[in-house]
């Protein structure tokens, strides 16, 4: 048998000391606190309690159906409505009303209006109408109008504006002849003579074509007798 060889003892190696690494210095971090914003609680609007819809009453069904609606004409926006002209008031109507009430100023104001140069042909016809009515009013026994003043106002209108207003001679002879006879019968000589003088001065004859010269001469003598 082979001999056992003794094992050599291996000297143990000495372990080199390993220097320890220094632990790293930990610098503490300074934490900056952020300002915390105050949280405002939101106000939540309360929803109104639901209101139940009103109950509709059952409609009563009529046996007869309603009539069909009438067609309405649609207004056109492009066409403007026509303008309504203001109604013009006839001043002669007011003069006649005042004449019927024996207004003492109506004759003077009428003459002032009538002699304006802007009178239209229709207004001239209305002037004729008022003159004729004034002559009737002067001869009316119930009138309280100042007859002499009214007659002289008409004579002044005839003397100065009869040609411009187109008052014809027949109309003048009728009005002035009636005034002359009226005042002559009441022995009011001045307005009678003035009426007759106007007709003689304009060479206006009466209905028979005879002038008023003889009548004017007779009126002069009558007035002279009354003055004695």
Protein backbone atom coordinates (compact mmCIF):
# COMPACT_ATOMS: atom_id res chain seq x y z
CA UNK A 1 0.00 0.00 0.00
CA UNK A 2 1.27 3.38 -0.78
CA UNK A 3 2.30 5.66 2.00
CA UNK A 4 0.29 8.56 2.86
CA UNK A 5 2.09 11.75 2.32
CA UNK A 6 1.56 14.33 4.88
CA UNK A 7 -0.12 17.48 3.67
CA UNK A 8 1.90 20.64 3.96
CA UNK A 9 0.29 23.23 5.96
CA UNK A 10 -0.21 26.44 4.01
CA UNK A 11 0.41 29.49 6.12
CA UNK A 12 -2.65 31.60 6.38
CA UNK A 13 -2.42 34.90 4.57
CA UNK A 14 -2.91 37.91 6.69
CA UNK A 15 -5.84 40.05 5.41
CA UNK A 16 -4.93 43.59 4.65
CA UNK A 17 -6.96 46.05 6.50
CA UNK A 18 -9.26 47.88 4.12
CA UNK A 19 -9.66 51.48 5.10
CA UNK A 20 -13.26 52.39 5.66
CA UNK A 21 -14.72 55.11 3.48
CA UNK A 22 -15.96 58.07 5.33
CA UNK A 23 -19.68 58.33 5.27
CA UNK A 24 -20.89 61.25 3.14
CA UNK A 25 -22.08 64.29 5.02
CA UNK A 26 -25.74 64.70 4.42
CA UNK A 27 -26.73 68.40 4.29
CA UNK A 28 -30.27 68.77 5.39
CA UNK A 29 -32.43 70.53 2.80
CA UNK A 30 -34.26 73.60 3.93
CA UNK A 31 -37.80 73.20 2.79
CA UNK A 32 -39.64 76.46 2.03
CA UNK A 33 -43.26 76.14 2.91
CA UNK A 34 -45.53 77.47 0.20
CA UNK A 35 -48.31 79.71 1.42
CA UNK A 36 -51.47 77.78 1.43
CA UNK A 37 -54.29 79.76 -0.19
CA UNK A 38 -57.37 79.84 1.81
CA UNK A 39 -60.02 77.78 0.15
CA UNK A 40 -63.29 79.68 0.06
CA UNK A 41 -66.11 77.30 0.08
CA UNK A 42 -68.35 77.73 -2.95
CA UNK A 43 -71.90 78.63 -2.26
CA UNK A 44 -74.05 76.23 -4.05
CA UNK A 45 -77.33 77.82 -5.17
CA UNK A 46 -80.17 75.80 -4.00
CA UNK A 47 -82.37 74.64 -6.75
CA UNK A 48 -85.96 75.68 -6.22
CA UNK A 49 -88.23 72.93 -5.39
CA UNK A 50 -89.93 71.76 -8.51
CA UNK A 51 -93.42 73.12 -8.78
CA UNK A 52 -95.78 70.65 -10.24
CA UNK A 53 -97.47 72.00 -13.41
CA UNK A 54 -101.08 72.99 -12.96
CA UNK A 55 -103.53 70.50 -14.05
CA UNK A 56 -105.36 71.56 -17.16
CA UNK A 57 -109.05 71.17 -17.05
CA UNK A 58 -110.41 68.97 -19.67
CA UNK A 59 -111.71 71.04 -22.57
CA UNK A 60 -115.29 70.70 -23.38
CA UNK A 61 -115.65 69.73 -26.94
CA UNK A 62 -118.40 71.68 -28.65
CA UNK A 63 -120.39 69.75 -31.15
CA UNK A 64 -120.10 72.62 -33.69
CA UNK A 65 -116.61 73.53 -34.97
CA UNK A 66 -115.49 77.20 -34.58
CA UNK A 67 -115.78 79.43 -37.66
CA UNK A 68 -112.62 79.78 -39.73
CA UNK A 69 -110.57 82.92 -38.97
CA UNK A 70 -111.06 85.85 -41.31
CA UNK A 71 -108.10 86.54 -43.57
CA UNK A 72 -106.40 89.73 -42.52
CA UNK A 73 -104.65 91.80 -45.11
CA UNK A 74 -100.98 92.16 -44.38
CA UNK A 75 -99.71 95.70 -44.12
CA UNK A 76 -96.97 96.52 -46.52
CA UNK A 77 -93.98 98.05 -44.78
CA UNK A 78 -92.81 99.77 -47.94
CA UNK A 79 -95.95 101.90 -48.40
CA UNK A 80 -96.21 104.67 -45.75
CA UNK A 81 -99.69 105.54 -44.48
CA UNK A 82 -101.25 108.57 -46.20
CA UNK A 83 -101.03 111.83 -44.31
CA UNK A 84 -104.32 113.30 -43.20
CA UNK A 85 -104.44 116.98 -44.06
CA UNK A 86 -105.59 119.27 -41.30
CA UNK A 87 -109.08 120.49 -41.90
CA UNK A 88 -109.16 124.20 -42.60
CA UNK A 89 -111.78 126.13 -40.70
CA UNK A 90 -113.92 128.55 -42.72
CA UNK A 91 -113.75 131.93 -40.95
CA UNK A 92 -117.00 133.10 -42.59
CA UNK A 93 -118.89 130.49 -40.58
CA UNK A 94 -117.67 132.11 -37.39
CA UNK A 95 -118.51 135.59 -38.72
CA UNK A 96 -122.05 134.50 -39.57
CA UNK A 97 -122.49 133.00 -36.12
CA UNK A 98 -121.38 136.22 -34.48
CA UNK A 99 -123.59 138.25 -36.81
CA UNK A 100 -126.61 136.23 -35.74
CA UNK A 101 -125.80 137.11 -32.13
CA UNK A 102 -125.44 140.84 -32.99
CA UNK A 103 -121.78 141.02 -32.04
CA UNK A 104 -120.87 144.75 -32.27
CA UNK A 105 -117.33 144.01 -33.52
CA UNK A 106 -118.18 141.47 -36.18
CA UNK A 107 -118.56 143.94 -39.07
CA UNK A 108 -115.22 145.64 -38.42
CA UNK A 109 -113.34 142.36 -38.07
CA UNK A 110 -115.04 140.93 -41.15
CA UNK A 111 -113.97 143.88 -43.30
CA UNK A 112 -110.37 143.59 -42.04
CA UNK A 113 -110.36 139.91 -43.02
CA UNK A 114 -112.11 140.43 -46.37
CA UNK A 115 -109.74 143.12 -47.69
CA UNK A 116 -106.62 140.97 -47.35
CA UNK A 117 -105.07 140.38 -50.79
CA UNK A 118 -104.78 136.61 -50.38
CA UNK A 119 -108.47 135.76 -50.69
CA UNK A 120 -109.18 132.79 -52.96
CA UNK A 121 -112.13 132.67 -55.42
CA UNK A 122 -114.02 130.42 -53.01
CA UNK A 123 -113.47 132.90 -50.18
CA UNK A 124 -114.69 135.74 -52.42
CA UNK A 125 -117.95 133.83 -52.88
CA UNK A 126 -118.20 133.50 -49.11
CA UNK A 127 -117.70 137.28 -48.79
CA UNK A 128 -120.72 137.81 -51.08
CA UNK A 129 -122.72 135.46 -48.85
CA UNK A 130 -121.82 137.35 -45.69
CA UNK A 131 -122.59 140.76 -47.23
CA UNK A 132 -126.03 139.60 -48.29
CA UNK A 133 -126.73 138.16 -44.84
CA UNK A 134 -125.49 141.37 -43.18
CA UNK A 135 -127.89 143.44 -45.31
CA UNK A 136 -130.79 141.23 -44.21
CA UNK A 137 -129.66 141.51 -40.60
CA UNK A 138 -129.57 145.32 -40.79
CA UNK A 139 -133.17 145.42 -42.03
CA UNK A 140 -134.33 142.87 -39.46
CA UNK A 141 -136.52 144.58 -36.87
CA UNK A 142 -135.45 142.15 -34.13
CA UNK A 143 -131.77 142.81 -34.65
CA UNK A 144 -129.89 144.69 -31.95
CA UNK A 145 -127.01 145.43 -34.29
CA UNK A 146 -125.78 148.99 -34.73
CA UNK A 147 -127.39 149.45 -38.14
CA UNK A 148 -125.70 152.73 -39.08
CA UNK A 149 -122.21 151.46 -38.23
CA UNK A 150 -122.85 148.16 -40.06
CA UNK A 151 -124.12 149.97 -43.17
CA UNK A 152 -121.09 152.29 -43.25
CA UNK A 153 -118.75 149.29 -42.88
CA UNK A 154 -120.35 147.67 -45.95
CA UNK A 155 -120.20 150.92 -47.93
CA UNK A 156 -116.51 151.31 -47.10
CA UNK A 157 -115.88 147.76 -48.31
CA UNK A 158 -117.75 148.44 -51.56
CA UNK A 159 -116.07 151.80 -52.15
CA UNK A 160 -112.49 150.60 -51.77
CA UNK A 161 -112.48 146.89 -52.66
CA UNK A 162 -115.57 145.97 -54.69
CA UNK A 163 -113.68 145.92 -58.01
CA UNK A 164 -110.85 143.77 -56.65
CA UNK A 165 -113.28 141.34 -55.03
CA UNK A 166 -115.29 141.07 -58.24
CA UNK A 167 -118.58 142.31 -56.80
CA UNK A 168 -120.76 143.07 -59.84
CA UNK A 169 -122.90 146.19 -60.25
CA UNK A 170 -126.22 144.39 -60.02
CA UNK A 171 -125.27 143.04 -56.59
CA UNK A 172 -124.12 146.50 -55.47
CA UNK A 173 -127.33 148.11 -56.71
CA UNK A 174 -129.43 145.56 -54.83
CA UNK A 175 -127.56 145.91 -51.50
CA UNK A 176 -127.04 149.69 -51.55
CA UNK A 177 -130.56 150.37 -52.89
CA UNK A 178 -132.08 148.30 -50.07
CA UNK A 179 -129.98 150.13 -47.45
CA UNK A 180 -130.93 153.53 -48.90
CA UNK A 181 -134.64 152.71 -48.82
CA UNK A 182 -134.44 151.29 -45.31
CA UNK A 183 -132.80 154.37 -43.79
CA UNK A 184 -134.95 156.73 -45.87
CA UNK A 185 -138.15 155.20 -44.48
CA UNK A 186 -136.85 155.66 -40.96
CA UNK A 187 -135.69 159.21 -41.73
CA UNK A 188 -132.08 158.39 -40.94
CA UNK A 189 -130.70 160.60 -43.70
CA UNK A 190 -126.92 160.26 -43.44
CA UNK A 191 -126.55 156.51 -44.20
CA UNK A 192 -129.31 156.81 -46.83
CA UNK A 193 -127.42 159.63 -48.59
CA UNK A 194 -124.10 157.75 -48.35
CA UNK A 195 -125.63 154.67 -50.00
CA UNK A 196 -127.11 156.76 -52.78
CA UNK A 197 -123.91 158.75 -53.31
CA UNK A 198 -121.94 155.54 -53.80
CA UNK A 199 -124.31 154.38 -56.54
CA UNK A 200 -124.27 157.79 -58.29
CA UNK A 201 -120.47 158.00 -58.03
CA UNK A 202 -120.08 154.58 -59.68
CA UNK A 203 -122.82 155.33 -62.24
CA UNK A 204 -124.76 152.26 -61.20
CA UNK A 205 -128.44 152.47 -62.22
CA UNK A 206 -131.41 150.75 -60.61
CA UNK A 207 -133.23 147.72 -62.02
CA UNK A 208 -135.10 149.90 -64.52
CA UNK A 209 -131.86 151.48 -65.78
CA UNK A 210 -132.60 154.82 -64.12
CA UNK A 211 -129.87 156.57 -62.18
CA UNK A 212 -130.12 157.59 -58.54
CA UNK A 213 -129.51 161.31 -59.21
CA UNK A 214 -133.10 162.42 -58.56
CA UNK A 215 -133.34 160.35 -55.42
CA UNK A 216 -130.06 161.75 -54.13
CA UNK A 217 -131.29 165.32 -54.74
CA UNK A 218 -134.51 164.56 -52.83
CA UNK A 219 -132.53 163.11 -49.91
CA UNK A 220 -130.39 166.25 -49.72
CA UNK A 221 -133.50 168.44 -49.43
CA UNK A 222 -135.04 166.21 -46.77
CA UNK A 223 -131.90 166.31 -44.66
CA UNK A 224 -131.73 170.10 -45.00
CA UNK A 225 -135.33 170.47 -43.82
CA UNK A 226 -134.66 168.32 -40.74
CA UNK A 227 -131.62 170.42 -39.89
CA UNK A 228 -133.66 173.65 -39.74
